[in-house]
Amino acid sequence: MTDLAGPDDDSENGTPRMTRSELIQRLSEMNPHLYQRDVERIIATVFDEVSAALSRGDRVELRGFGAFSVKRRGPRVGRNPRTGSSVQVSEKHVPFFKAGKELRERLNTED
């Protein structure tokens, strides 16, 4: 796999991060035979397809990278932090990502 990590740091905790536009820029640089607008279209299409699949309740698996799925959080009683009173929180569906074996191994190698 190619290293896509950028030099930018998250100002909150100093952790390296990459935004969507930085990803597009990096991929454009790594693939000079592609126009940047084509790379933008590819990235948008991939993200849109993953989002659409999750909206349908499907699981999206990218071998070696990980799997995206949707988890259900049932209704519960929460607390209003300001007043301390009980509040009914409705059921919700949240996106979930589980890293694949290859990604986990890559993150935990000691170079």
C-alpha atoms as a PDB file:
ATOM      1  CA  MET A   1       0.000   0.000   0.000  1.00  0.00           C
ATOM      2  CA  THR A   2       1.100   3.554  -0.664  1.00  0.00           C
ATOM      3  CA  ASP A   3       1.543   5.997   2.185  1.00  0.00           C
ATOM      4  CA  LEU A   4      -1.084   8.734   1.921  1.00  0.00           C
ATOM      5  CA  ALA A   5      -0.457  10.384   5.282  1.00  0.00           C
ATOM      6  CA  GLY A   6      -0.029  14.113   5.032  1.00  0.00           C
ATOM      7  CA  PRO A   7       2.195  16.454   7.012  1.00  0.00           C
ATOM      8  CA  ASP A   8      -0.659  18.400   8.596  1.00  0.00           C
ATOM      9  CA  ASP A   9      -1.435  18.082  12.281  1.00  0.00           C
ATOM     10  CA  ASP A  10      -4.785  18.356  13.999  1.00  0.00           C
ATOM     11  CA  SER A  11      -4.484  21.538  16.042  1.00  0.00           C
ATOM     12  CA  GLU A  12      -6.483  20.047  18.920  1.00  0.00           C
ATOM     13  CA  ASN A  13      -4.264  17.088  19.792  1.00  0.00           C
ATOM     14  CA  GLY A  14      -1.270  17.171  17.429  1.00  0.00           C
ATOM     15  CA  THR A  15      -2.379  13.993  15.637  1.00  0.00           C
ATOM     16  CA  PRO A  16      -1.694  13.848  11.895  1.00  0.00           C
ATOM     17  CA  ARG A  17      -4.879  14.113   9.822  1.00  0.00           C
ATOM     18  CA  MET A  18      -5.954  14.254   6.225  1.00  0.00           C
ATOM     19  CA  THR A  19      -8.976  16.087   4.872  1.00  0.00           C
ATOM     20  CA  ARG A  20     -10.914  15.096   1.773  1.00  0.00           C
ATOM     21  CA  SER A  21      -9.288  17.845  -0.299  1.00  0.00           C
ATOM     22  CA  GLU A  22      -5.827  16.788   0.911  1.00  0.00           C
ATOM     23  CA  LEU A  23      -6.605  13.190  -0.076  1.00  0.00           C
ATOM     24  CA  ILE A  24      -7.647  14.348  -3.549  1.00  0.00           C
ATOM     25  CA  GLN A  25      -4.515  16.464  -3.876  1.00  0.00           C
ATOM     26  CA  ARG A  26      -2.241  13.599  -2.774  1.00  0.00           C
ATOM     27  CA  LEU A  27      -3.869  11.096  -5.129  1.00  0.00           C
ATOM     28  CA  SER A  28      -3.611  13.591  -7.993  1.00  0.00           C
ATOM     29  CA  GLU A  29       0.107  14.009  -7.301  1.00  0.00           C
ATOM     30  CA  MET A  30       0.620  10.235  -7.149  1.00  0.00           C
ATOM     31  CA  ASN A  31      -1.268   9.734 -10.441  1.00  0.00           C
ATOM     32  CA  PRO A  32      -0.142  12.508 -12.795  1.00  0.00           C
ATOM     33  CA  HIS A  33      -1.876  10.787 -15.716  1.00  0.00           C
ATOM     34  CA  LEU A  34      -5.254  11.629 -14.107  1.00  0.00           C
ATOM     35  CA  TYR A  35      -6.813  15.079 -14.017  1.00  0.00           C
ATOM     36  CA  GLN A  36      -7.564  16.392 -10.542  1.00  0.00           C
ATOM     37  CA  ARG A  37     -11.260  16.784 -11.458  1.00  0.00           C
ATOM     38  CA  ASP A  38     -11.345  13.059 -12.328  1.00  0.00           C
ATOM     39  CA  VAL A  39      -9.785  12.148  -8.979  1.00  0.00           C
ATOM     40  CA  GLU A  40     -12.388  14.370  -7.270  1.00  0.00           C
ATOM     41  CA  ARG A  41     -15.165  12.560  -9.154  1.00  0.00           C
ATOM     42  CA  ILE A  42     -13.741   9.145  -8.204  1.00  0.00           C
ATOM     43  CA  ILE A  43     -13.483  10.038  -4.515  1.00  0.00           C
ATOM     44  CA  ALA A  44     -16.993  11.548  -4.498  1.00  0.00           C
ATOM     45  CA  THR A  45     -18.410   8.446  -6.192  1.00  0.00           C
ATOM     46  CA  VAL A  46     -16.739   6.068  -3.725  1.00  0.00           C
ATOM     47  CA  PHE A  47     -17.950   8.066  -0.712  1.00  0.00           C
ATOM     48  CA  ASP A  48     -21.461   8.393  -2.176  1.00  0.00           C
ATOM     49  CA  GLU A  49     -21.676   4.640  -2.831  1.00  0.00           C
ATOM     50  CA  VAL A  50     -20.465   3.774   0.675  1.00  0.00           C
ATOM     51  CA  SER A  51     -22.994   6.229   2.163  1.00  0.00           C
ATOM     52  CA  ALA A  52     -25.821   4.863   0.007  1.00  0.00           C
ATOM     53  CA  ALA A  53     -25.005   1.278   0.953  1.00  0.00           C
ATOM     54  CA  LEU A  54     -24.965   2.149   4.657  1.00  0.00           C
ATOM     55  CA  SER A  55     -28.279   4.015   4.261  1.00  0.00           C
ATOM     56  CA  ARG A  56     -29.790   0.798   2.886  1.00  0.00           C
ATOM     57  CA  GLY A  57     -28.409  -1.106   5.870  1.00  0.00           C
ATOM     58  CA  ASP A  58     -25.759  -2.894   3.805  1.00  0.00           C
ATOM     59  CA  ARG A  59     -22.241  -3.691   4.983  1.00  0.00           C
ATOM     60  CA  VAL A  60     -19.306  -2.374   2.923  1.00  0.00           C
ATOM     61  CA  GLU A  61     -16.115  -4.424   3.115  1.00  0.00           C
ATOM     62  CA  LEU A  62     -12.829  -3.245   1.652  1.00  0.00           C
ATOM     63  CA  ARG A  63     -10.424  -6.189   1.929  1.00  0.00           C
ATOM     64  CA  GLY A  64      -7.269  -5.331   3.808  1.00  0.00           C
ATOM     65  CA  PHE A  65      -8.683  -1.977   4.909  1.00  0.00           C
ATOM     66  CA  GLY A  66     -11.815  -2.686   6.921  1.00  0.00           C
ATOM     67  CA  ALA A  67     -15.572  -2.893   6.983  1.00  0.00           C
ATOM     68  CA  PHE A  68     -18.225  -0.222   7.369  1.00  0.00           C
ATOM     69  CA  SER A  69     -21.578  -1.185   8.852  1.00  0.00           C
ATOM     70  CA  VAL A  70     -24.525   0.330  10.684  1.00  0.00           C
ATOM     71  CA  LYS A  71     -25.235  -0.420  14.317  1.00  0.00           C
ATOM     72  CA  ARG A  72     -28.557   0.124  16.036  1.00  0.00           C
ATOM     73  CA  ARG A  73     -28.659   1.928  19.358  1.00  0.00           C
ATOM     74  CA  GLY A  74     -31.901   1.237  21.118  1.00  0.00           C
ATOM     75  CA  PRO A  75     -34.041   3.807  22.900  1.00  0.00           C
ATOM     76  CA  ARG A  76     -32.890   4.751  26.379  1.00  0.00           C
ATOM     77  CA  VAL A  77     -33.370   7.201  29.181  1.00  0.00           C
ATOM     78  CA  GLY A  78     -30.685   9.882  29.244  1.00  0.00           C
ATOM     79  CA  ARG A  79     -29.998  12.881  31.422  1.00  0.00           C
ATOM     80  CA  ASN A  80     -30.093  16.557  30.595  1.00  0.00           C
ATOM     81  CA  PRO A  81     -26.626  17.691  31.773  1.00  0.00           C
ATOM     82  CA  ARG A  82     -27.855  21.183  32.600  1.00  0.00           C
ATOM     83  CA  THR A  83     -30.910  20.287  34.694  1.00  0.00           C
ATOM     84  CA  GLY A  84     -30.238  16.650  35.580  1.00  0.00           C
ATOM     85  CA  SER A  85     -33.765  15.690  34.528  1.00  0.00           C
ATOM     86  CA  SER A  86     -34.501  12.442  32.685  1.00  0.00           C
ATOM     87  CA  VAL A  87     -34.869  12.665  28.918  1.00  0.00           C
ATOM     88  CA  GLN A  88     -36.159   9.974  26.566  1.00  0.00           C
ATOM     89  CA  VAL A  89     -33.570   9.319  23.820  1.00  0.00           C
ATOM     90  CA  SER A  90     -35.012   7.655  20.732  1.00  0.00           C
ATOM     91  CA  GLU A  91     -33.516   4.769  18.772  1.00  0.00           C
ATOM     92  CA  LYS A  92     -30.777   5.678  16.322  1.00  0.00           C
ATOM     93  CA  HIS A  93     -28.559   4.053  13.759  1.00  0.00           C
ATOM     94  CA  VAL A  94     -24.864   4.940  13.785  1.00  0.00           C
ATOM     95  CA  PRO A  95     -22.053   4.176  11.334  1.00  0.00           C
ATOM     96  CA  PHE A  96     -19.410   1.743  12.558  1.00  0.00           C
ATOM     97  CA  PHE A  97     -15.958   0.943  11.167  1.00  0.00           C
ATOM     98  CA  LYS A  98     -13.918  -2.141  11.973  1.00  0.00           C
ATOM     99  CA  ALA A  99     -10.326  -2.072  10.753  1.00  0.00           C
ATOM    100  CA  GLY A 100      -9.140  -5.042   8.698  1.00  0.00           C
ATOM    101  CA  LYS A 101      -6.245  -7.272   9.699  1.00  0.00           C
ATOM    102  CA  GLU A 102      -3.828  -5.748   7.177  1.00  0.00           C
ATOM    103  CA  LEU A 103      -4.586  -2.198   8.359  1.00  0.00           C
ATOM    104  CA  ARG A 104      -4.220  -3.175  12.037  1.00  0.00           C
ATOM    105  CA  GLU A 105      -0.891  -4.858  11.322  1.00  0.00           C
ATOM    106  CA  ARG A 106       0.316  -1.860   9.369  1.00  0.00           C
ATOM    107  CA  LEU A 107      -0.594   0.515  12.186  1.00  0.00           C
ATOM    108  CA  ASN A 108       1.193  -1.630  14.748  1.00  0.00           C
ATOM    109  CA  THR A 109       4.474  -2.312  12.935  1.00  0.00           C
ATOM    110  CA  GLU A 110       7.575  -0.987  14.576  1.00  0.00           C
ATOM    111  CA  ASP A 111       9.708   0.576  11.860  1.00  0.00           C
END
